[in-house]
């Protein structure tokens, strides 16, 4: 797992780089993802404003769990591995800043669940996504059964999970499995550009907006509005709010304090 950070833009990049295994998630890789996410989550708001999750492999974002490693594990060892695997997916899901997946090639099983854990998915025409876990005797265990219906609805998610079928990029866009379709090989470039645009905004505002979106989704409207109000109160009296209003009135670019 490689972490790249741009001090000028506040964009961090989490790079999946287990190339020989097409980024299959081994125990060591899961630990690396979780640790990298924990470090980014703990960074000051001004320093990390958006994250891109990308891959160095030419033909894959991530092909899911390392089934070769899994095949060698006893039941007891698999049970002990489970918390480490969950920590990887939860680490991406709970990052407090906007996260964008840059997907090309295969994003299957746990690989697609890593993408689903992001806020936005940018993909190129080579992308093939899916949750094929039932075809090997398990279920999506990295959040797929919960995140996919939140994206595409219960019935559509059920069809995709129950069949385990793979979905090519154009259909994935039409179904809402991805959010943007780029030119071939341009997924990372566009994801980084989108992250930079996002990161130009208030660090405090971005974190509060994500918290309101994630926490309020699925709640009844009155409760959701209370979640929004609580998030608003965390930014309304912040240094970022004061700087944003001053910069608007002075017709200049804000210099966000991130607090």
C-alpha atoms as a PDB file:
ATOM      1  CA  UNK A   1       0.000   0.000   0.000  1.00  0.00           C
ATOM      2  CA  UNK A   2       1.466   3.327  -1.046  1.00  0.00           C
ATOM      3  CA  UNK A   3       0.311   6.713   0.222  1.00  0.00           C
ATOM      4  CA  UNK A   4       1.018   9.875  -1.745  1.00  0.00           C
ATOM      5  CA  UNK A   5       0.188  13.320  -0.425  1.00  0.00           C
ATOM      6  CA  UNK A   6       0.128  16.656  -2.236  1.00  0.00           C
ATOM      7  CA  UNK A   7       0.822  19.371   0.309  1.00  0.00           C
ATOM      8  CA  UNK A   8      -0.289  22.101  -2.099  1.00  0.00           C
ATOM      9  CA  UNK A   9      -3.755  20.735  -2.843  1.00  0.00           C
ATOM     10  CA  UNK A  10      -4.480  18.680   0.271  1.00  0.00           C
ATOM     11  CA  UNK A  11      -5.228  15.635  -1.894  1.00  0.00           C
ATOM     12  CA  UNK A  12      -3.947  12.269  -0.680  1.00  0.00           C
ATOM     13  CA  UNK A  13      -3.768   9.168  -2.848  1.00  0.00           C
ATOM     14  CA  UNK A  14      -4.058   5.628  -1.539  1.00  0.00           C
ATOM     15  CA  UNK A  15      -2.445   3.396  -4.139  1.00  0.00           C
ATOM     16  CA  UNK A  16      -3.167  -0.327  -4.371  1.00  0.00           C
ATOM     17  CA  UNK A  17       0.138  -1.770  -5.559  1.00  0.00           C
ATOM     18  CA  UNK A  18       0.193  -5.527  -5.015  1.00  0.00           C
ATOM     19  CA  UNK A  19       0.772  -5.960  -8.727  1.00  0.00           C
ATOM     20  CA  UNK A  20       1.752  -9.675  -8.954  1.00  0.00           C
ATOM     21  CA  UNK A  21      -1.616 -10.637  -7.414  1.00  0.00           C
ATOM     22  CA  UNK A  22      -3.720  -8.044  -9.290  1.00  0.00           C
ATOM     23  CA  UNK A  23      -4.160  -6.299  -5.939  1.00  0.00           C
ATOM     24  CA  UNK A  24      -5.915  -9.261  -4.344  1.00  0.00           C
ATOM     25  CA  UNK A  25      -6.442  -8.355  -0.690  1.00  0.00           C
ATOM     26  CA  UNK A  26      -4.211 -10.501   1.496  1.00  0.00           C
ATOM     27  CA  UNK A  27      -3.987 -10.251   5.272  1.00  0.00           C
ATOM     28  CA  UNK A  28      -0.913  -8.024   4.967  1.00  0.00           C
ATOM     29  CA  UNK A  29      -2.553  -5.802   2.385  1.00  0.00           C
ATOM     30  CA  UNK A  30      -5.701  -5.449   4.496  1.00  0.00           C
ATOM     31  CA  UNK A  31      -3.551  -4.386   7.424  1.00  0.00           C
ATOM     32  CA  UNK A  32      -1.759  -1.863   5.215  1.00  0.00           C
ATOM     33  CA  UNK A  33      -5.008  -0.335   3.966  1.00  0.00           C
ATOM     34  CA  UNK A  34      -6.374  -0.019   7.497  1.00  0.00           C
ATOM     35  CA  UNK A  35      -3.186   1.582   8.803  1.00  0.00           C
ATOM     36  CA  UNK A  36      -2.969   4.019   5.899  1.00  0.00           C
ATOM     37  CA  UNK A  37      -6.589   5.077   6.383  1.00  0.00           C
ATOM     38  CA  UNK A  38      -6.082   5.549  10.120  1.00  0.00           C
ATOM     39  CA  UNK A  39      -3.101   7.823   9.465  1.00  0.00           C
ATOM     40  CA  UNK A  40      -5.039   9.915   6.949  1.00  0.00           C
ATOM     41  CA  UNK A  41      -8.053  10.151   9.240  1.00  0.00           C
ATOM     42  CA  UNK A  42      -5.825  11.463  12.039  1.00  0.00           C
ATOM     43  CA  UNK A  43      -4.167  14.122   9.872  1.00  0.00           C
ATOM     44  CA  UNK A  44      -5.159  17.776  10.373  1.00  0.00           C
ATOM     45  CA  UNK A  45      -8.165  18.849   8.308  1.00  0.00           C
ATOM     46  CA  UNK A  46      -6.137  21.447   6.420  1.00  0.00           C
ATOM     47  CA  UNK A  47      -3.572  18.851   5.313  1.00  0.00           C
ATOM     48  CA  UNK A  48      -5.923  16.127   4.027  1.00  0.00           C
ATOM     49  CA  UNK A  49      -9.029  17.441   2.283  1.00  0.00           C
ATOM     50  CA  UNK A  50      -9.807  14.659  -0.205  1.00  0.00           C
ATOM     51  CA  UNK A  51      -8.548  11.165  -0.990  1.00  0.00           C
ATOM     52  CA  UNK A  52      -8.248   9.186  -4.224  1.00  0.00           C
ATOM     53  CA  UNK A  53      -8.093   5.382  -4.110  1.00  0.00           C
ATOM     54  CA  UNK A  54      -6.220   4.129  -7.182  1.00  0.00           C
ATOM     55  CA  UNK A  55      -4.289   1.166  -8.573  1.00  0.00           C
ATOM     56  CA  UNK A  56      -0.913   0.697 -10.241  1.00  0.00           C
ATOM     57  CA  UNK A  57      -1.977  -2.499 -12.032  1.00  0.00           C
ATOM     58  CA  UNK A  58      -2.668  -2.027 -15.736  1.00  0.00           C
ATOM     59  CA  UNK A  59      -5.587  -4.471 -15.869  1.00  0.00           C
ATOM     60  CA  UNK A  60      -7.127  -4.332 -12.428  1.00  0.00           C
ATOM     61  CA  UNK A  61      -8.250  -2.029  -9.678  1.00  0.00           C
ATOM     62  CA  UNK A  62      -8.565  -4.966  -7.270  1.00  0.00           C
ATOM     63  CA  UNK A  63      -9.790  -8.520  -7.856  1.00  0.00           C
ATOM     64  CA  UNK A  64     -11.023  -9.010  -4.297  1.00  0.00           C
ATOM     65  CA  UNK A  65      -9.880 -11.304  -1.512  1.00  0.00           C
ATOM     66  CA  UNK A  66      -6.722 -13.329  -1.975  1.00  0.00           C
ATOM     67  CA  UNK A  67      -8.354 -16.719  -2.480  1.00  0.00           C
ATOM     68  CA  UNK A  68      -5.005 -18.491  -2.712  1.00  0.00           C
ATOM     69  CA  UNK A  69      -4.184 -17.294   0.779  1.00  0.00           C
ATOM     70  CA  UNK A  70      -7.713 -18.073   1.964  1.00  0.00           C
ATOM     71  CA  UNK A  71      -7.430 -21.633   0.634  1.00  0.00           C
ATOM     72  CA  UNK A  72      -4.473 -22.272   2.951  1.00  0.00           C
ATOM     73  CA  UNK A  73      -6.196 -20.955   6.079  1.00  0.00           C
ATOM     74  CA  UNK A  74      -7.852 -23.147   8.663  1.00  0.00           C
ATOM     75  CA  UNK A  75     -11.278 -22.167   9.951  1.00  0.00           C
ATOM     76  CA  UNK A  76      -9.656 -20.749  13.074  1.00  0.00           C
ATOM     77  CA  UNK A  77      -7.170 -18.730  11.026  1.00  0.00           C
ATOM     78  CA  UNK A  78      -9.934 -17.407   8.800  1.00  0.00           C
ATOM     79  CA  UNK A  79     -11.846 -16.314  11.879  1.00  0.00           C
ATOM     80  CA  UNK A  80      -8.805 -14.464  13.180  1.00  0.00           C
ATOM     81  CA  UNK A  81      -8.294 -12.798   9.812  1.00  0.00           C
ATOM     82  CA  UNK A  82     -11.849 -11.462   9.666  1.00  0.00           C
ATOM     83  CA  UNK A  83     -11.333  -8.385  11.900  1.00  0.00           C
ATOM     84  CA  UNK A  84      -8.287  -7.386   9.838  1.00  0.00           C
ATOM     85  CA  UNK A  85     -10.249  -7.633   6.597  1.00  0.00           C
ATOM     86  CA  UNK A  86     -13.151  -5.652   8.033  1.00  0.00           C
ATOM     87  CA  UNK A  87     -10.779  -2.958   9.255  1.00  0.00           C
ATOM     88  CA  UNK A  88      -9.560  -2.363   5.705  1.00  0.00           C
ATOM     89  CA  UNK A  89     -13.016  -1.760   4.254  1.00  0.00           C
ATOM     90  CA  UNK A  90     -14.193   0.171   7.299  1.00  0.00           C
ATOM     91  CA  UNK A  91     -11.046   2.282   7.140  1.00  0.00           C
ATOM     92  CA  UNK A  92     -11.933   3.495   3.657  1.00  0.00           C
ATOM     93  CA  UNK A  93     -15.631   3.860   4.479  1.00  0.00           C
ATOM     94  CA  UNK A  94     -15.050   5.986   7.581  1.00  0.00           C
ATOM     95  CA  UNK A  95     -12.464   8.376   6.200  1.00  0.00           C
ATOM     96  CA  UNK A  96     -13.798  11.785   7.271  1.00  0.00           C
ATOM     97  CA  UNK A  97     -13.080  13.472   3.923  1.00  0.00           C
ATOM     98  CA  UNK A  98     -14.501  12.908   0.420  1.00  0.00           C
ATOM     99  CA  UNK A  99     -13.005   9.781  -1.177  1.00  0.00           C
ATOM    100  CA  UNK A 100     -12.971   9.000  -4.907  1.00  0.00           C
ATOM    101  CA  UNK A 101     -12.192   5.601  -6.415  1.00  0.00           C
ATOM    102  CA  UNK A 102     -10.303   5.591  -9.727  1.00  0.00           C
ATOM    103  CA  UNK A 103     -11.250   2.290 -11.351  1.00  0.00           C
ATOM    104  CA  UNK A 104      -9.985   0.546 -14.461  1.00  0.00           C
ATOM    105  CA  UNK A 105      -9.999  -3.133 -15.300  1.00  0.00           C
ATOM    106  CA  UNK A 106     -11.363  -5.587 -12.793  1.00  0.00           C
ATOM    107  CA  UNK A 107     -13.008  -4.379  -9.595  1.00  0.00           C
ATOM    108  CA  UNK A 108     -14.545  -7.570  -8.289  1.00  0.00           C
ATOM    109  CA  UNK A 109     -15.724  -8.806  -4.902  1.00  0.00           C
ATOM    110  CA  UNK A 110     -13.763  -7.057  -2.210  1.00  0.00           C
ATOM    111  CA  UNK A 111     -12.215  -4.862  -4.892  1.00  0.00           C
ATOM    112  CA  UNK A 112     -15.601  -3.460  -5.829  1.00  0.00           C
ATOM    113  CA  UNK A 113     -16.453  -3.168  -2.135  1.00  0.00           C
ATOM    114  CA  UNK A 114     -13.409  -0.939  -1.679  1.00  0.00           C
ATOM    115  CA  UNK A 115     -14.780   1.260  -4.467  1.00  0.00           C
ATOM    116  CA  UNK A 116     -18.284   1.178  -2.954  1.00  0.00           C
ATOM    117  CA  UNK A 117     -16.773   2.383   0.326  1.00  0.00           C
ATOM    118  CA  UNK A 118     -15.763   5.587  -1.458  1.00  0.00           C
ATOM    119  CA  UNK A 119     -18.096   8.534  -1.976  1.00  0.00           C
ATOM    120  CA  UNK A 120     -17.664   8.629  -5.752  1.00  0.00           C
ATOM    121  CA  UNK A 121     -16.466   6.124  -8.360  1.00  0.00           C
ATOM    122  CA  UNK A 122     -14.716   7.300 -11.525  1.00  0.00           C
ATOM    123  CA  UNK A 123     -14.033   4.555 -14.071  1.00  0.00           C
ATOM    124  CA  UNK A 124     -12.656   4.118 -17.564  1.00  0.00           C
ATOM    125  CA  UNK A 125     -14.183   1.918 -20.326  1.00  0.00           C
ATOM    126  CA  UNK A 126     -12.098  -1.119 -19.332  1.00  0.00           C
ATOM    127  CA  UNK A 127     -13.760  -1.323 -15.915  1.00  0.00           C
ATOM    128  CA  UNK A 128     -15.590  -4.527 -15.019  1.00  0.00           C
ATOM    129  CA  UNK A 129     -17.331  -4.527 -11.642  1.00  0.00           C
ATOM    130  CA  UNK A 130     -19.297  -7.057  -9.648  1.00  0.00           C
ATOM    131  CA  UNK A 131     -19.830  -8.973  -6.431  1.00  0.00           C
ATOM    132  CA  UNK A 132     -19.291 -12.651  -7.383  1.00  0.00           C
ATOM    133  CA  UNK A 133     -18.879 -13.994  -3.854  1.00  0.00           C
ATOM    134  CA  UNK A 134     -21.820 -16.422  -3.988  1.00  0.00           C
ATOM    135  CA  UNK A 135     -20.104 -18.198  -6.894  1.00  0.00           C
ATOM    136  CA  UNK A 136     -17.342 -19.306  -4.503  1.00  0.00           C
ATOM    137  CA  UNK A 137     -19.563 -20.095  -1.539  1.00  0.00           C
ATOM    138  CA  UNK A 138     -19.466 -16.887   0.488  1.00  0.00           C
ATOM    139  CA  UNK A 139     -21.242 -13.516   0.482  1.00  0.00           C
ATOM    140  CA  UNK A 140     -19.980  -9.969   0.029  1.00  0.00           C
ATOM    141  CA  UNK A 141     -18.363  -9.328   3.396  1.00  0.00           C
ATOM    142  CA  UNK A 142     -16.705  -5.960   2.895  1.00  0.00           C
ATOM    143  CA  UNK A 143     -19.921  -3.953   3.053  1.00  0.00           C
ATOM    144  CA  UNK A 144     -21.342  -4.960  -0.315  1.00  0.00           C
ATOM    145  CA  UNK A 145     -24.737  -6.191   0.884  1.00  0.00           C
ATOM    146  CA  UNK A 146     -25.285  -2.855   2.631  1.00  0.00           C
ATOM    147  CA  UNK A 147     -23.553  -0.357   0.349  1.00  0.00           C
ATOM    148  CA  UNK A 148     -24.824  -1.637  -3.003  1.00  0.00           C
ATOM    149  CA  UNK A 149     -28.561  -1.312  -2.195  1.00  0.00           C
ATOM    150  CA  UNK A 150     -27.902   2.198  -0.933  1.00  0.00           C
ATOM    151  CA  UNK A 151     -26.496   2.980  -4.375  1.00  0.00           C
ATOM    152  CA  UNK A 152     -28.868   1.186  -6.716  1.00  0.00           C
ATOM    153  CA  UNK A 153     -31.871   0.040  -4.686  1.00  0.00           C
ATOM    154  CA  UNK A 154     -32.734  -3.262  -3.047  1.00  0.00           C
ATOM    155  CA  UNK A 155     -34.016  -5.220  -6.068  1.00  0.00           C
ATOM    156  CA  UNK A 156     -31.167  -4.273  -8.386  1.00  0.00           C
ATOM    157  CA  UNK A 157     -28.618  -5.039  -5.683  1.00  0.00           C
ATOM    158  CA  UNK A 158     -30.284  -8.410  -5.047  1.00  0.00           C
ATOM    159  CA  UNK A 159     -30.036  -9.360  -8.737  1.00  0.00           C
ATOM    160  CA  UNK A 160     -26.345  -8.465  -8.852  1.00  0.00           C
ATOM    161  CA  UNK A 161     -25.468 -10.226  -5.596  1.00  0.00           C
ATOM    162  CA  UNK A 162     -27.564 -13.348  -6.242  1.00  0.00           C
ATOM    163  CA  UNK A 163     -26.228 -13.869  -9.782  1.00  0.00           C
ATOM    164  CA  UNK A 164     -22.686 -12.739  -9.025  1.00  0.00           C
ATOM    165  CA  UNK A 165     -22.485 -11.437 -12.576  1.00  0.00           C
ATOM    166  CA  UNK A 166     -19.830  -9.073 -13.860  1.00  0.00           C
ATOM    167  CA  UNK A 167     -20.905  -5.714 -15.262  1.00  0.00           C
ATOM    168  CA  UNK A 168     -18.968  -3.832 -17.942  1.00  0.00           C
ATOM    169  CA  UNK A 169     -18.354  -0.091 -17.683  1.00  0.00           C
ATOM    170  CA  UNK A 170     -21.168   1.267 -19.847  1.00  0.00           C
ATOM    171  CA  UNK A 171     -23.854  -0.820 -18.152  1.00  0.00           C
ATOM    172  CA  UNK A 172     -22.304  -0.043 -14.771  1.00  0.00           C
ATOM    173  CA  UNK A 173     -22.742   3.664 -15.496  1.00  0.00           C
ATOM    174  CA  UNK A 174     -26.368   3.195 -16.545  1.00  0.00           C
ATOM    175  CA  UNK A 175     -27.119   1.165 -13.398  1.00  0.00           C
ATOM    176  CA  UNK A 176     -25.459   3.676 -11.089  1.00  0.00           C
ATOM    177  CA  UNK A 177     -22.648   1.324 -10.090  1.00  0.00           C
ATOM    178  CA  UNK A 178     -20.154   3.999 -11.125  1.00  0.00           C
ATOM    179  CA  UNK A 179     -20.584   7.769 -11.254  1.00  0.00           C
ATOM    180  CA  UNK A 180     -18.343   8.964 -14.090  1.00  0.00           C
ATOM    181  CA  UNK A 181     -17.030   7.249 -17.189  1.00  0.00           C
ATOM    182  CA  UNK A 182     -13.790   8.665 -18.583  1.00  0.00           C
ATOM    183  CA  UNK A 183     -11.711   8.040 -21.668  1.00  0.00           C
ATOM    184  CA  UNK A 184      -9.564   4.910 -21.568  1.00  0.00           C
ATOM    185  CA  UNK A 185      -6.689   5.257 -19.122  1.00  0.00           C
ATOM    186  CA  UNK A 186      -7.991   8.553 -17.773  1.00  0.00           C
ATOM    187  CA  UNK A 187      -9.699   7.342 -14.602  1.00  0.00           C
ATOM    188  CA  UNK A 188      -6.874   8.323 -12.244  1.00  0.00           C
ATOM    189  CA  UNK A 189      -6.274  11.689 -13.919  1.00  0.00           C
ATOM    190  CA  UNK A 190      -9.941  12.632 -13.739  1.00  0.00           C
ATOM    191  CA  UNK A 191     -10.302  11.360 -10.176  1.00  0.00           C
ATOM    192  CA  UNK A 192      -7.329  13.459  -9.054  1.00  0.00           C
ATOM    193  CA  UNK A 193      -8.705  16.511 -10.881  1.00  0.00           C
ATOM    194  CA  UNK A 194     -12.084  16.036  -9.201  1.00  0.00           C
ATOM    195  CA  UNK A 195     -10.395  15.588  -5.829  1.00  0.00           C
ATOM    196  CA  UNK A 196      -8.407  18.796  -6.347  1.00  0.00           C
ATOM    197  CA  UNK A 197     -11.588  20.703  -7.160  1.00  0.00           C
ATOM    198  CA  UNK A 198     -13.227  19.335  -4.023  1.00  0.00           C
ATOM    199  CA  UNK A 199     -10.147  20.021  -1.893  1.00  0.00           C
ATOM    200  CA  UNK A 200     -10.201  23.712  -2.850  1.00  0.00           C
ATOM    201  CA  UNK A 201     -13.224  24.088  -0.581  1.00  0.00           C
ATOM    202  CA  UNK A 202     -13.396  24.460   3.191  1.00  0.00           C
ATOM    203  CA  UNK A 203     -11.792  21.502   5.002  1.00  0.00           C
ATOM    204  CA  UNK A 204     -14.191  21.949   7.903  1.00  0.00           C
ATOM    205  CA  UNK A 205     -17.153  22.281   5.563  1.00  0.00           C
ATOM    206  CA  UNK A 206     -16.221  19.164   3.577  1.00  0.00           C
ATOM    207  CA  UNK A 207     -15.938  17.016   6.675  1.00  0.00           C
ATOM    208  CA  UNK A 208     -19.210  18.306   8.101  1.00  0.00           C
ATOM    209  CA  UNK A 209     -21.014  17.835   4.790  1.00  0.00           C
ATOM    210  CA  UNK A 210     -19.785  14.246   4.489  1.00  0.00           C
ATOM    211  CA  UNK A 211     -20.797  13.524   8.065  1.00  0.00           C
ATOM    212  CA  UNK A 212     -24.300  14.883   7.427  1.00  0.00           C
ATOM    213  CA  UNK A 213     -24.671  12.945   4.173  1.00  0.00           C
ATOM    214  CA  UNK A 214     -23.470   9.651   5.623  1.00  0.00           C
ATOM    215  CA  UNK A 215     -25.199   9.909   8.998  1.00  0.00           C
ATOM    216  CA  UNK A 216     -28.494  11.265   7.717  1.00  0.00           C
ATOM    217  CA  UNK A 217     -28.996   8.837   4.832  1.00  0.00           C
ATOM    218  CA  UNK A 218     -31.824   6.416   5.517  1.00  0.00           C
ATOM    219  CA  UNK A 219     -33.206   8.339   8.474  1.00  0.00           C
ATOM    220  CA  UNK A 220     -36.668   9.854   8.460  1.00  0.00           C
ATOM    221  CA  UNK A 221     -36.686  13.462   7.262  1.00  0.00           C
ATOM    222  CA  UNK A 222     -37.127  15.200  10.659  1.00  0.00           C
ATOM    223  CA  UNK A 223     -34.263  13.159  12.159  1.00  0.00           C
ATOM    224  CA  UNK A 224     -32.117  13.759   9.100  1.00  0.00           C
ATOM    225  CA  UNK A 225     -32.667  17.491   9.387  1.00  0.00           C
ATOM    226  CA  UNK A 226     -31.482  17.348  12.998  1.00  0.00           C
ATOM    227  CA  UNK A 227     -28.318  15.595  11.796  1.00  0.00           C
ATOM    228  CA  UNK A 228     -27.849  18.375   9.249  1.00  0.00           C
ATOM    229  CA  UNK A 229     -28.395  21.066  11.880  1.00  0.00           C
ATOM    230  CA  UNK A 230     -25.796  19.512  14.168  1.00  0.00           C
ATOM    231  CA  UNK A 231     -23.303  19.452  11.292  1.00  0.00           C
ATOM    232  CA  UNK A 232     -24.147  23.057  10.426  1.00  0.00           C
ATOM    233  CA  UNK A 233     -23.397  24.132  13.973  1.00  0.00           C
ATOM    234  CA  UNK A 234     -19.886  22.654  13.754  1.00  0.00           C
ATOM    235  CA  UNK A 235     -19.070  24.921  10.806  1.00  0.00           C
ATOM    236  CA  UNK A 236     -21.155  28.019  11.482  1.00  0.00           C
ATOM    237  CA  UNK A 237     -18.812  29.319  14.182  1.00  0.00           C
ATOM    238  CA  UNK A 238     -15.573  28.000  12.683  1.00  0.00           C
ATOM    239  CA  UNK A 239     -12.545  29.830  11.362  1.00  0.00           C
ATOM    240  CA  UNK A 240     -13.331  28.426   7.913  1.00  0.00           C
ATOM    241  CA  UNK A 241     -16.767  30.054   7.907  1.00  0.00           C
ATOM    242  CA  UNK A 242     -15.296  33.418   8.911  1.00  0.00           C
ATOM    243  CA  UNK A 243     -12.593  33.145   6.246  1.00  0.00           C
ATOM    244  CA  UNK A 244     -15.034  32.017   3.567  1.00  0.00           C
ATOM    245  CA  UNK A 245     -17.391  34.951   4.133  1.00  0.00           C
ATOM    246  CA  UNK A 246     -14.501  37.432   4.304  1.00  0.00           C
ATOM    247  CA  UNK A 247     -12.930  36.077   1.100  1.00  0.00           C
ATOM    248  CA  UNK A 248     -16.268  36.277  -0.716  1.00  0.00           C
ATOM    249  CA  UNK A 249     -16.756  39.911   0.256  1.00  0.00           C
ATOM    250  CA  UNK A 250     -13.142  40.805  -0.533  1.00  0.00           C
ATOM    251  CA  UNK A 251     -13.318  38.961  -3.890  1.00  0.00           C
ATOM    252  CA  UNK A 252     -10.303  36.758  -3.203  1.00  0.00           C
ATOM    253  CA  UNK A 253      -9.506  33.069  -2.885  1.00  0.00           C
ATOM    254  CA  UNK A 254     -10.025  31.801   0.673  1.00  0.00           C
ATOM    255  CA  UNK A 255      -7.027  30.759   2.737  1.00  0.00           C
ATOM    256  CA  UNK A 256      -8.768  28.103   4.806  1.00  0.00           C
ATOM    257  CA  UNK A 257      -7.491  27.691   8.370  1.00  0.00           C
ATOM    258  CA  UNK A 258      -9.104  24.241   8.539  1.00  0.00           C
ATOM    259  CA  UNK A 259     -10.562  24.808  11.966  1.00  0.00           C
END
